[in-house]
Protein backbone atom coordinates (compact mmCIF):
# COMPACT_ATOMS: atom_id res chain seq x y z
CA MET A 1 106.79 60.98 78.47
CA LYS A 2 104.79 59.89 81.37
CA GLY A 3 104.32 61.34 84.67
CA ILE A 4 102.18 61.50 87.82
CA ILE A 5 98.65 63.00 87.16
CA ALA A 6 98.60 66.31 89.40
CA SER A 7 95.44 67.97 87.81
CA GLU A 8 93.13 66.02 85.55
CA GLY A 9 92.59 67.57 82.03
CA TYR A 10 93.53 67.79 78.66
CA ALA A 11 95.70 70.91 77.10
CA VAL A 12 97.39 71.91 74.17
CA GLY A 13 99.92 74.67 73.77
CA THR A 14 103.35 75.93 72.89
CA ALA A 15 105.85 75.11 75.55
CA CYS A 16 107.66 77.80 77.84
CA VAL A 17 110.52 76.26 79.55
CA PHE A 18 111.27 77.78 82.76
CA LYS A 19 114.66 76.89 84.00
CA ASN A 20 116.16 77.30 87.62
CA GLU A 21 118.37 80.38 87.92
CA LYS A 22 121.88 79.98 88.96
CA MET A 23 122.90 81.77 92.07
CA ALA A 24 126.85 82.74 92.67
CA ILE A 25 127.12 81.63 96.35
CA CYS A 26 130.38 82.56 97.92
CA HIS A 27 132.06 79.90 99.45
CA ASP A 28 135.03 81.72 100.97
CA LYS A 29 135.71 81.73 104.44
CA ILE A 30 135.30 84.79 106.32
CA GLU A 31 137.42 86.72 109.03
CA GLU A 32 136.21 86.70 112.43
CA SER A 33 136.10 90.57 111.90
CA GLN A 34 133.25 89.81 109.57
CA VAL A 35 130.93 87.56 111.52
CA ASP A 36 128.64 90.50 112.58
CA LEU A 37 128.55 92.04 109.15
CA GLU A 38 127.32 88.55 107.91
CA ILE A 39 125.06 88.13 110.46
CA GLN A 40 123.36 91.44 109.78
CA ARG A 41 123.22 90.54 106.19
CA PHE A 42 121.25 87.51 107.06
CA THR A 43 119.03 89.28 109.33
CA LYS A 44 118.30 91.84 106.53
CA ALA A 45 117.55 89.41 104.00
CA LEU A 46 115.09 87.55 106.38
CA ASP A 47 112.87 91.01 106.63
CA ILE A 48 113.46 91.62 102.58
CA ALA A 49 112.14 87.92 101.95
CA ARG A 50 109.42 88.30 104.60
CA ALA A 51 108.09 91.39 102.76
CA GLN A 52 108.26 89.82 99.39
CA ILE A 53 106.23 86.82 100.55
CA GLU A 54 103.60 88.95 102.13
CA GLU A 55 103.26 90.69 99.00
CA ILE A 56 102.98 87.75 96.87
CA GLY A 57 100.40 86.32 99.51
CA GLN A 58 98.31 89.44 98.80
CA LYS A 59 98.25 88.50 95.08
CA ALA A 60 97.57 84.83 95.68
CA GLY A 61 94.53 86.04 98.00
CA ALA A 62 93.21 87.52 94.67
CA VAL A 63 93.89 84.62 92.41
CA LEU A 64 93.41 81.40 94.58
CA GLU A 65 90.78 80.18 97.15
CA GLY A 66 91.77 81.47 100.37
CA SER A 67 92.93 78.13 101.76
CA ASP A 68 95.45 77.88 98.92
CA ALA A 69 96.86 81.11 99.31
CA ASP A 70 97.22 80.71 102.75
CA VAL A 71 100.49 78.65 102.07
CA PHE A 72 102.40 81.86 101.89
CA LYS A 73 101.79 82.51 106.08
CA ALA A 74 103.74 79.24 106.31
CA HIS A 75 106.64 80.48 104.16
CA ALA A 76 106.68 83.70 106.30
CA ALA A 77 106.90 81.44 109.25
CA ILE A 78 109.70 79.87 108.09
CA THR A 79 111.59 83.16 107.66
CA GLN A 80 111.09 83.50 111.47
CA ASP A 81 111.68 80.24 112.74
CA ARG A 82 113.89 80.43 115.68
CA SER A 83 115.61 77.18 115.36
CA LEU A 84 116.27 77.82 111.38
CA ILE A 85 117.70 81.09 112.41
CA LYS A 86 119.90 79.81 115.42
CA LYS A 87 121.44 77.43 112.93
CA VAL A 88 122.26 79.69 110.20
CA ASN A 89 123.94 82.24 112.76
CA LYS A 90 126.11 79.30 114.25
CA ALA A 91 127.27 78.36 111.04
CA ILE A 92 128.27 81.85 110.52
CA LYS A 93 129.95 82.22 113.56
CA SER A 94 131.42 78.65 114.25
CA GLU A 95 132.35 77.59 110.53
CA ARG A 96 133.18 81.22 109.25
CA LEU A 97 130.41 80.69 106.26
CA THR A 98 129.20 83.84 104.33
CA ALA A 99 125.55 84.43 105.01
CA ASP A 100 124.40 83.02 101.57
CA ASN A 101 126.51 79.95 102.11
CA ALA A 102 125.24 79.16 105.69
CA VAL A 103 121.82 79.57 104.21
CA ASP A 104 122.37 77.29 101.70
CA THR A 105 123.97 74.68 103.75
CA VAL A 106 121.54 74.86 106.77
CA MET A 107 118.59 74.61 104.46
CA LYS A 108 120.14 71.86 102.43
CA LYS A 109 120.31 69.96 105.12
CA LEU A 110 116.71 70.40 106.37
CA ILE A 111 115.51 69.99 102.73
CA GLU A 112 117.31 66.37 102.60
CA LYS A 113 115.94 65.33 105.97
CA PHE A 114 112.20 66.37 104.90
CA SER A 115 112.83 64.59 101.51
CA LYS A 116 113.70 61.40 103.13
CA MET A 117 110.40 61.29 105.10
CA ASP A 118 107.84 58.19 104.08
CA HIS A 119 104.89 60.26 103.99
CA PRO A 120 104.31 61.88 100.57
CA LEU A 121 102.75 65.16 102.30
CA ILE A 122 105.59 65.92 104.46
CA ARG A 123 108.32 65.19 101.48
CA GLU A 124 106.17 67.84 99.66
CA ARG A 125 106.99 70.28 102.27
CA THR A 126 110.50 70.26 100.90
CA ALA A 127 109.03 72.79 98.26
CA ASP A 128 108.19 75.52 101.06
CA LEU A 129 111.83 75.23 102.42
CA ARG A 130 113.19 75.35 98.69
CA ASP A 131 111.21 78.24 97.80
CA VAL A 132 112.07 80.07 101.04
CA ARG A 133 115.92 79.20 100.54
CA ASP A 134 115.94 80.28 96.91
CA ARG A 135 114.46 83.75 97.78
CA LEU A 136 116.96 84.49 100.51
CA LEU A 137 119.72 83.24 98.47
CA ARG A 138 118.54 85.72 95.51
CA VAL A 139 118.37 88.36 97.96
CA LEU A 140 121.67 87.78 99.39
CA THR A 141 123.40 87.30 96.04
CA GLY A 142 121.81 89.79 93.88
CA ALA A 143 120.41 87.11 91.38
CA GLU A 144 117.62 88.22 89.21
CA SER A 145 114.29 86.93 90.31
CA ARG A 146 112.39 84.60 87.51
CA SER A 147 109.07 85.46 86.55
CA LEU A 148 105.93 83.89 84.70
CA GLU A 149 104.07 87.12 84.68
CA ALA A 150 104.18 87.71 81.06
CA LEU A 151 102.95 84.64 78.81
CA PRO A 152 101.66 84.32 75.42
CA PRO A 153 97.88 82.64 75.10
CA ASP A 154 97.91 78.56 75.50
CA THR A 155 101.17 78.29 76.97
CA ILE A 156 102.22 75.11 78.64
CA ILE A 157 104.97 75.70 81.20
CA ILE A 158 107.79 73.09 81.15
CA ALA A 159 109.73 73.31 84.56
CA GLU A 160 112.12 71.19 86.78
CA ASN A 161 110.28 72.46 89.55
CA LEU A 162 107.69 75.47 90.17
CA THR A 163 107.52 76.76 93.55
CA PRO A 164 104.25 78.30 95.41
CA SER A 165 105.73 81.70 94.35
CA ASP A 166 106.09 80.73 90.80
CA THR A 167 102.60 79.37 90.55
CA VAL A 168 101.03 82.17 92.08
CA THR A 169 102.63 84.63 90.19
CA MET A 170 102.12 83.07 86.74
CA ASP A 171 99.78 84.66 84.06
CA ILE A 172 97.14 82.09 84.68
CA ASP A 173 94.86 83.57 81.68
CA HIS A 174 97.25 82.38 79.38
CA VAL A 175 98.61 78.99 81.16
CA ALA A 176 96.88 75.99 79.40
CA GLY A 177 98.84 73.29 81.27
CA ILE A 178 101.67 72.48 83.37
CA VAL A 179 104.52 70.02 83.09
CA SER A 180 107.34 69.55 86.06
CA GLU A 181 110.11 67.09 86.65
CA ILE A 182 109.71 67.43 90.50
CA GLY A 183 106.53 66.96 92.50
CA GLY A 184 103.91 64.65 93.27
CA SER A 185 100.14 64.43 93.61
CA THR A 186 100.42 66.31 96.91
CA SER A 187 102.76 68.96 96.08
CA HIS A 188 101.94 72.74 95.82
CA THR A 189 102.00 72.76 91.80
CA ALA A 190 99.25 69.92 92.09
CA ILE A 191 97.49 71.51 94.59
CA PHE A 192 97.43 74.88 92.85
CA ALA A 193 96.85 73.60 89.50
CA ARG A 194 93.50 71.57 90.49
CA SER A 195 92.50 74.76 92.44
CA LEU A 196 92.79 76.82 89.31
CA GLY A 197 91.75 74.18 87.18
CA ILE A 198 94.77 73.86 85.04
CA PRO A 199 95.78 70.26 83.95
CA ALA A 200 99.25 69.18 85.03
CA VAL A 201 101.45 66.34 84.96
CA VAL A 202 104.31 66.06 87.55
CA GLY A 203 107.38 63.98 87.86
CA VAL A 204 107.94 64.06 84.21
CA THR A 205 111.93 62.91 83.91
CA GLY A 206 113.88 64.79 81.68
CA ALA A 207 111.01 67.28 80.53
CA VAL A 208 113.39 70.39 80.73
CA SER A 209 115.82 69.07 78.48
CA LEU A 210 113.48 66.94 76.20
CA ILE A 211 110.96 69.83 75.35
CA LYS A 212 112.17 73.00 73.40
CA LYS A 213 110.85 76.35 73.80
CA GLY A 214 108.07 77.27 71.22
CA GLN A 215 107.29 73.37 70.39
CA MET A 216 103.77 72.14 70.60
CA VAL A 217 102.71 70.09 73.82
CA TYR A 218 99.96 67.78 74.14
CA LEU A 219 99.16 66.85 77.56
CA ASN A 220 96.75 64.29 78.96
CA GLY A 221 95.80 64.62 82.44
CA GLU A 222 93.83 61.53 82.72
CA THR A 223 97.04 59.02 81.53
CA GLY A 224 99.67 61.37 82.84
CA SER A 225 101.27 61.36 79.16
CA VAL A 226 103.10 64.50 77.56
CA GLU A 227 103.70 64.23 73.91
CA THR A 228 105.37 66.89 71.37
CA GLU A 229 104.56 65.09 68.18
CA LEU A 230 101.18 63.31 67.37
CA THR A 231 100.28 61.64 63.99
CA GLY A 232 97.04 62.71 62.34
CA ASP A 233 95.33 59.95 63.83
CA GLU A 234 96.69 60.24 67.43
CA LEU A 235 95.72 64.04 67.08
CA LYS A 236 92.07 63.19 66.36
CA THR A 237 91.99 60.71 69.16
CA PHE A 238 93.68 63.32 71.50
CA GLN A 239 91.04 65.92 70.46
CA ARG A 240 88.04 63.41 70.83
CA ALA A 241 89.18 62.71 74.39
CA LYS A 242 89.58 65.99 75.29
CA GLU A 243 86.01 66.81 74.04
CA ALA A 244 84.35 64.07 76.01
CA TYR A 245 86.55 64.61 79.07
CA ASP A 246 85.36 68.52 78.99
CA ALA A 247 81.80 67.42 78.44
CA ASN A 248 81.95 64.80 81.20
CA MET A 249 83.48 67.33 83.85
CA GLN A 250 80.93 69.90 82.80
CA GLU A 251 78.12 67.19 83.73
CA LEU A 252 79.72 66.17 86.92
CA PHE A 253 80.00 69.62 88.35
CA ARG A 254 75.92 69.89 88.16
CA TYR A 255 76.48 67.63 91.40
CA ALA A 256 78.59 69.75 93.22
CA GLU A 257 75.70 71.75 94.81
CA ALA A 258 73.16 68.67 94.70
CA GLU A 259 71.91 66.92 98.10
CA SER A 260 73.21 63.44 98.59
CA ILE A 261 69.91 61.57 98.52
CA THR A 262 69.08 58.33 96.73
CA LYS A 263 65.88 57.98 94.52
CA ASP A 264 64.04 56.54 97.68
CA GLY A 265 65.06 58.92 99.85
CA TYR A 266 68.13 57.70 101.72
CA HIS A 267 70.58 60.54 102.49
CA MET A 268 74.42 59.64 102.43
CA GLU A 269 76.49 62.31 104.02
CA ILE A 270 79.54 62.99 101.60
CA CYS A 271 82.46 64.84 103.23
CA ALA A 272 86.02 65.28 102.27
CA ASN A 273 89.57 64.50 103.90
CA ILE A 274 92.05 67.44 104.70
CA GLY A 275 95.63 67.83 105.79
CA SER A 276 95.22 71.20 106.63
CA PHE A 277 93.44 74.51 106.28
CA HIS A 278 94.83 74.73 102.67
CA ASP A 279 92.43 71.86 101.31
CA CYS A 280 89.37 73.70 102.52
CA GLY A 281 89.00 75.40 99.12
CA ALA A 282 88.75 72.25 97.14
CA ILE A 283 85.90 71.14 99.69
CA GLN A 284 83.94 74.41 98.61
CA LYS A 285 84.60 73.82 94.86
CA PHE A 286 83.23 70.46 94.98
CA GLY A 287 80.38 70.90 97.73
CA ALA A 288 81.59 68.56 100.36
CA GLU A 289 79.10 68.42 103.05
CA GLY A 290 81.61 68.38 105.79
CA VAL A 291 85.10 67.24 106.88
CA GLY A 292 85.08 63.56 107.75
CA LEU A 293 88.93 63.64 108.50
CA PHE A 294 91.29 66.21 109.65
CA ARG A 295 94.48 64.68 109.66
CA THR A 296 96.17 66.72 112.42
CA GLU A 297 99.48 64.98 112.24
CA PHE A 298 100.53 67.28 109.42
CA LEU A 299 100.64 70.36 111.72
CA TYR A 300 103.18 68.20 113.67
CA MET A 301 105.07 66.94 110.97
CA GLY A 302 105.51 70.21 109.48
CA SER A 303 106.93 71.94 112.58
CA SER A 304 110.37 72.26 113.82
CA ASP A 305 109.12 71.31 117.43
CA TRP A 306 105.77 70.22 119.05
CA PRO A 307 103.16 72.93 117.97
CA ALA A 308 102.12 75.13 120.45
CA GLU A 309 98.46 75.05 121.76
CA GLU A 310 98.01 78.60 120.19
CA TYR A 311 99.19 77.65 116.68
CA GLN A 312 97.03 74.72 116.54
CA PHE A 313 94.02 76.62 118.03
CA SER A 314 94.62 79.25 114.94
CA GLU A 315 94.55 76.38 112.48
CA TYR A 316 91.38 74.37 113.51
CA LYS A 317 89.32 77.59 114.02
CA LYS A 318 90.21 78.68 110.48
CA VAL A 319 89.00 75.59 108.99
CA LEU A 320 85.84 75.43 111.46
CA GLU A 321 85.04 79.12 110.73
CA MET A 322 85.49 78.42 106.95
CA MET A 323 83.08 75.29 107.26
CA GLY A 324 80.39 77.19 109.20
CA ASN A 325 77.84 74.71 110.04
CA ARG A 326 79.14 71.74 108.38
CA PRO A 327 80.66 68.94 110.54
CA VAL A 328 84.70 68.88 110.98
CA ILE A 329 85.93 65.60 112.49
CA ILE A 330 89.28 66.54 114.27
CA ARG A 331 91.44 63.24 114.50
CA THR A 332 93.89 63.79 117.12
CA PHE A 333 97.66 63.28 115.89
CA ASP A 334 98.58 59.89 114.19
CA ILE A 335 102.08 60.07 114.36
CA GLY A 336 104.32 56.98 114.08
CA GLY A 337 104.35 54.11 111.41
CA ASP A 338 105.59 55.92 108.37
CA LYS A 339 104.81 59.44 109.63
CA GLU A 340 107.78 60.67 111.63
CA LEU A 341 108.96 63.78 113.08
CA PRO A 342 112.13 65.78 112.56
CA TYR A 343 112.33 66.66 116.29
CA TYR A 344 111.33 63.39 118.09
CA ASP A 345 113.06 59.90 118.19
CA PHE A 346 110.75 56.99 118.09
CA GLY A 347 113.79 54.67 118.21
CA GLU A 348 114.19 51.46 115.89
CA GLU A 349 110.93 49.03 115.61
CA ASP A 350 110.87 46.17 113.54
CA ASN A 351 107.12 46.94 112.63
CA PRO A 352 106.50 50.58 113.21
CA PHE A 353 102.87 50.00 111.80
CA LEU A 354 102.19 47.94 114.72
CA GLY A 355 104.17 49.99 117.40
CA TYR A 356 104.55 53.20 119.03
CA ARG A 357 102.02 55.38 116.99
CA ALA A 358 98.63 57.28 117.39
CA ILE A 359 96.70 56.69 120.39
CA ARG A 360 99.40 55.02 122.03
CA LEU A 361 101.94 57.78 121.63
CA CYS A 362 99.16 60.40 122.57
CA LEU A 363 98.59 58.31 125.99
CA ASP A 364 102.37 58.06 126.56
CA GLN A 365 102.87 61.72 125.95
CA PRO A 366 99.56 62.95 128.09
CA ASP A 367 100.68 66.58 128.46
CA ILE A 368 101.19 66.94 124.60
CA PHE A 369 97.90 65.07 123.89
CA LYS A 370 96.09 67.59 126.33
CA THR A 371 97.67 70.31 124.71
CA GLN A 372 96.19 69.39 121.21
CA LEU A 373 92.62 68.57 123.00
CA ARG A 374 92.58 71.92 124.29
CA ALA A 375 93.27 73.87 121.35
CA ILE A 376 90.65 71.58 119.56
CA LEU A 377 88.32 72.27 122.30
CA ARG A 378 88.92 76.37 122.20
CA ALA A 379 88.42 75.99 118.55
CA SER A 380 85.09 74.23 118.97
CA ALA A 381 83.30 77.47 119.98
CA TYR A 382 83.83 78.53 116.62
CA GLY A 383 82.08 75.91 114.59
CA HIS A 384 80.73 72.24 114.45
CA ALA A 385 83.75 70.10 115.66
CA ARG A 386 83.99 66.46 116.60
CA ILE A 387 87.00 64.73 117.94
CA MET A 388 88.21 61.38 116.86
CA TYR A 389 90.84 59.13 118.21
CA PRO A 390 92.97 57.05 116.14
CA MET A 391 94.24 53.28 116.07
CA ILE A 392 91.93 52.25 119.12
CA SER A 393 92.07 48.64 120.05
CA SER A 394 90.69 48.49 123.45
CA ILE A 395 88.07 50.15 125.77
CA GLU A 396 90.98 51.09 128.20
CA GLU A 397 92.20 53.42 125.62
CA ILE A 398 89.22 55.07 124.72
CA LYS A 399 88.63 55.64 129.05
CA SER A 400 92.37 56.90 128.96
CA ALA A 401 91.82 59.32 126.05
CA ASN A 402 88.50 60.51 127.68
CA GLU A 403 90.30 61.10 130.91
CA VAL A 404 92.64 63.66 129.17
CA LEU A 405 89.88 65.15 127.39
CA SER A 406 87.81 65.48 130.74
CA ALA A 407 91.03 67.42 132.32
CA ALA A 408 91.25 69.66 129.61
CA LYS A 409 87.64 70.56 129.77
CA THR A 410 87.99 71.06 133.32
CA GLU A 411 91.05 73.44 132.99
CA LEU A 412 89.18 75.51 130.03
CA LYS A 413 86.20 75.96 132.39
CA ASN A 414 88.39 77.22 135.24
CA GLU A 415 89.81 79.60 132.70
CA GLY A 416 86.58 81.06 131.84
CA VAL A 417 87.47 79.89 128.18
CA ALA A 418 84.52 78.96 125.61
CA PHE A 419 83.97 75.62 124.24
CA ASP A 420 81.51 73.18 123.02
CA GLU A 421 81.04 71.13 126.02
CA ASN A 422 78.86 68.77 124.17
CA ILE A 423 81.36 68.16 121.56
CA ALA A 424 80.91 64.63 120.07
CA CYS A 425 83.77 62.07 120.50
CA GLY A 426 84.34 59.25 118.28
CA ILE A 427 87.06 56.72 117.20
CA MET A 428 88.76 55.39 114.07
CA MET A 429 87.65 51.59 113.59
CA GLU A 430 90.78 50.79 112.01
CA THR A 431 91.93 47.51 114.12
CA PRO A 432 89.87 44.27 113.85
CA ALA A 433 90.10 44.30 117.78
CA ALA A 434 87.90 47.64 117.92
CA CYS A 435 85.66 46.19 115.39
CA ILE A 436 85.40 42.74 117.10
CA LEU A 437 84.50 44.67 120.39
CA ALA A 438 82.17 47.41 118.50
CA GLU A 439 79.23 46.21 120.71
CA ASP A 440 81.23 47.04 123.99
CA ILE A 441 82.64 50.14 122.54
CA ILE A 442 79.71 51.78 121.30
CA ASP A 443 78.69 52.65 124.79
CA PHE A 444 81.73 54.89 125.20
CA VAL A 445 81.69 56.83 122.00
CA ASP A 446 79.06 58.88 119.96
CA PHE A 447 80.04 57.56 116.57
CA PHE A 448 82.65 55.26 114.43
CA SER A 449 84.67 56.02 111.43
CA ILE A 450 86.15 53.20 109.48
CA GLY A 451 89.58 53.78 108.13
CA THR A 452 89.53 51.16 105.69
CA ASN A 453 93.29 51.63 104.58
CA ASP A 454 94.41 50.20 108.01
CA LEU A 455 91.59 48.09 108.56
CA THR A 456 92.31 46.24 105.36
CA GLN A 457 96.10 46.07 106.29
CA TYR A 458 95.25 44.68 109.71
CA THR A 459 92.71 42.29 108.71
CA THR A 460 94.81 40.70 105.80
CA ALA A 461 97.91 41.02 107.42
CA VAL A 462 99.41 42.57 104.38
CA ASP A 463 101.63 45.74 104.61
CA ARG A 464 99.61 48.28 102.26
CA GLY A 465 102.96 49.54 100.98
CA ASN A 466 104.17 46.14 99.58
CA LYS A 467 103.46 46.33 95.90
CA ARG A 468 104.36 42.38 95.50
CA LEU A 469 101.45 41.59 97.86
CA SER A 470 98.87 44.39 96.94
CA HIS A 471 96.76 41.75 95.21
CA LEU A 472 96.14 40.39 98.74
CA SER A 473 94.86 43.58 100.38
CA ALA A 474 91.90 44.64 98.31
CA PRO A 475 89.68 47.30 100.44
CA TYR A 476 86.78 45.33 99.13
CA HIS A 477 88.11 42.25 100.68
CA PRO A 478 84.96 40.01 102.10
CA ALA A 479 86.32 40.24 105.41
CA VAL A 480 86.71 43.96 105.42
CA LEU A 481 83.20 44.47 103.80
CA ARG A 482 81.82 42.07 106.54
CA LEU A 483 83.32 44.14 109.26
CA ILE A 484 81.94 47.23 108.03
CA LYS A 485 78.64 45.66 107.99
CA TYR A 486 78.85 44.33 111.42
CA VAL A 487 80.25 47.90 113.05
CA THR A 488 77.46 49.84 111.06
CA ASP A 489 74.70 47.48 112.38
CA VAL A 490 76.21 48.00 115.95
CA SER A 491 76.25 51.39 115.73
CA HIS A 492 72.65 51.81 114.46
CA LYS A 493 71.22 49.49 117.19
CA ALA A 494 72.80 51.98 119.45
CA GLY A 495 71.10 54.88 117.86
CA LYS A 496 74.40 56.30 116.63
CA TRP A 497 76.35 56.35 113.13
CA THR A 498 79.22 55.21 111.41
CA GLY A 499 81.35 56.79 108.69
CA ILE A 500 84.28 55.49 106.28
CA CYS A 501 87.41 57.64 105.73
CA GLY A 502 89.50 55.34 103.93
CA GLU A 503 90.31 54.80 100.20
CA LEU A 504 87.13 52.95 99.90
CA ALA A 505 84.87 55.90 100.55
CA GLY A 506 86.01 57.54 97.40
CA MET A 507 85.83 54.37 94.87
CA ASP A 508 82.63 55.41 93.09
CA ASP A 509 82.29 51.67 91.82
CA PHE A 510 81.38 50.73 95.46
CA THR A 511 79.17 53.57 96.33
CA GLU A 512 76.03 51.57 95.74
CA ILE A 513 77.44 48.49 98.03
CA LEU A 514 78.46 51.18 100.97
CA VAL A 515 74.95 52.54 100.77
CA GLY A 516 73.63 48.95 100.87
CA LEU A 517 75.64 48.46 104.11
CA GLY A 518 73.94 51.25 105.81
CA VAL A 519 76.95 53.14 106.06
CA ASP A 520 75.76 56.90 107.13
CA GLU A 521 78.83 58.95 105.97
CA LEU A 522 81.82 58.66 103.45
CA SER A 523 84.69 60.89 103.44
CA MET A 524 87.26 61.04 100.65
CA SER A 525 89.58 63.49 98.75
CA ALA A 526 87.49 66.38 97.57
CA GLY A 527 87.95 65.44 93.98
CA SER A 528 85.98 62.15 94.20
CA VAL A 529 82.80 63.89 96.02
CA ILE A 530 81.03 64.82 92.74
CA LYS A 531 81.60 61.43 91.15
CA VAL A 532 80.23 59.60 94.37
CA ARG A 533 77.52 61.91 94.72
CA LYS A 534 76.31 61.39 90.96
CA GLN A 535 76.23 57.45 92.24
CA VAL A 536 74.33 58.15 95.32
CA ILE A 537 71.58 60.25 93.29
CA GLU A 538 71.25 57.97 90.66
CA MET A 539 70.64 54.84 92.71
CA ASP A 540 67.83 53.24 94.57
CA ALA A 541 68.71 52.55 98.53
CA PHE A 542 66.64 49.27 98.38
CA LYS A 543 68.44 47.84 95.52
CA ALA A 544 71.61 48.88 96.84
CA LYS A 545 70.58 46.79 99.92
CA ILE A 546 70.19 43.74 97.98
CA ALA A 547 73.31 44.22 95.84
CA ALA A 548 75.45 44.63 99.28
CA LYS A 549 73.75 41.43 100.34
CA GLU A 550 74.70 39.48 97.22
CA ALA A 551 78.22 40.87 97.66
CA LEU A 552 78.61 39.93 101.32
CA ALA A 553 77.90 36.51 100.06
CA LEU A 554 80.69 36.40 97.99
CA LYS A 555 83.99 34.76 99.15
CA THR A 556 86.74 36.45 97.06
CA SER A 557 87.81 40.16 96.47
CA GLU A 558 87.92 38.87 92.64
CA ALA A 559 84.43 37.70 92.70
CA ILE A 560 83.51 41.09 94.49
CA TRP A 561 85.22 42.99 92.03
CA GLU A 562 83.39 41.34 88.95
CA TYR A 563 80.14 41.60 90.57
CA VAL A 564 80.48 45.58 91.02
CA LYS A 565 81.81 45.94 87.84
CA ASN A 566 78.96 43.96 85.88
CA ARG A 567 76.48 46.32 87.86
CA ARG A 568 77.72 49.46 86.47
């Protein structure tokens, strides 16, 4: 069986097959005289579920990093969501549904809507909704709560789906690995497994029916394979791979607290990308030097309406306080393209990646944009914040964005609210237009951060989601590397700096080339930090410059790839 690698590592253990409980939902229509009673049942269920969630949240704080445990605050918030409560009450009143049927019907529609979102992180939010829905239904139907609290040693959990509540309450000292049918690399199961250091493979079709309770399971978190029977030779191969992996990880974690300095003294700042406060625990675990990209759009995509200033302020503040003196680059919301909102109609677009998105939406909705900027500015009093605008293609856009920022600063000054008046403000360099105009743009910003994912897409004119054309859009395409070199040189000439926050930053095969190009900062998924740092520490920056010069002279992506691989 094959699945998606959620948390790397190898595990051997006996299967505990964890099946979803069946709940007896009453589908009978109620009489008008029963409406108030059913609404009261629903209200009481909300209170009970919220109390249970808060209790689990306290347990989570003792088990997980604070950022991962904080997900239960989001669960509690769902039980207080006015839009959800209104819809359930309406279903009870208008459609004469029982409270349990109304909860199931309304939340099923929400789950279906989120599950169809293009962006994986938003699709994974359905896990939160399912968790809260199931909890409410258990309260309303009196179904028995399932539990993973008492497990034998060396257990490998086999489940259709593990909710955050399931994961937090399980007996982690006895869990060797996790296999689930549902979920992706950004699911809660994956996040928690990585935080706890438990090997996990998700998206394994048919695991619950194919694997039997008590059966021996061999989980390979490097290839995503799950096996129940191995020959003698296969078992020896598995054990050797497990031993090699464990030794390699032990070696790599030596670099978690090391300084990112080459042999000849060049410092490369290595940071991590995050989508929310929940990701900060991994930053501490792997020793990132800061947040190179805080994707704030997930605050918008996970809400039922435009998030209020106070909510955003709270979220940014939590990240800044946790990061202390380490820099946090907060990108203003990059909505549009493949990132839709359940409460906003973008209209039909032939080419949404080239359409109404990111800074274009921000400037077209200045009040919403200013709300975010006010929240960021207020939070800047609690740490080292930087602001970054996405999808810039002209100087006019920067000027307009800065006008909104200036207005937000003026308002806060007049209100006597503290903020960092010298907060740095930069832009994402992800359009060829911005890169070509770098010499003109640099006068209006404090730094550049190159988003190689979109820059590659727009430079090569290849949709990065089109698998048939993926061979044409490597992030190390010669044109992309030359743009990186040019943009970096421009920023240095002006006494400023350039970072990279796209996929290329975390590809440790290319770390030497990026150091040689003069890039000042790399930001990546937290798990890549120690691998990239190891490369930096073991290299010579002078030799890296020679390597970069030779790579820039090559004319094809294939030639660059071969050149890099031959240097390892």
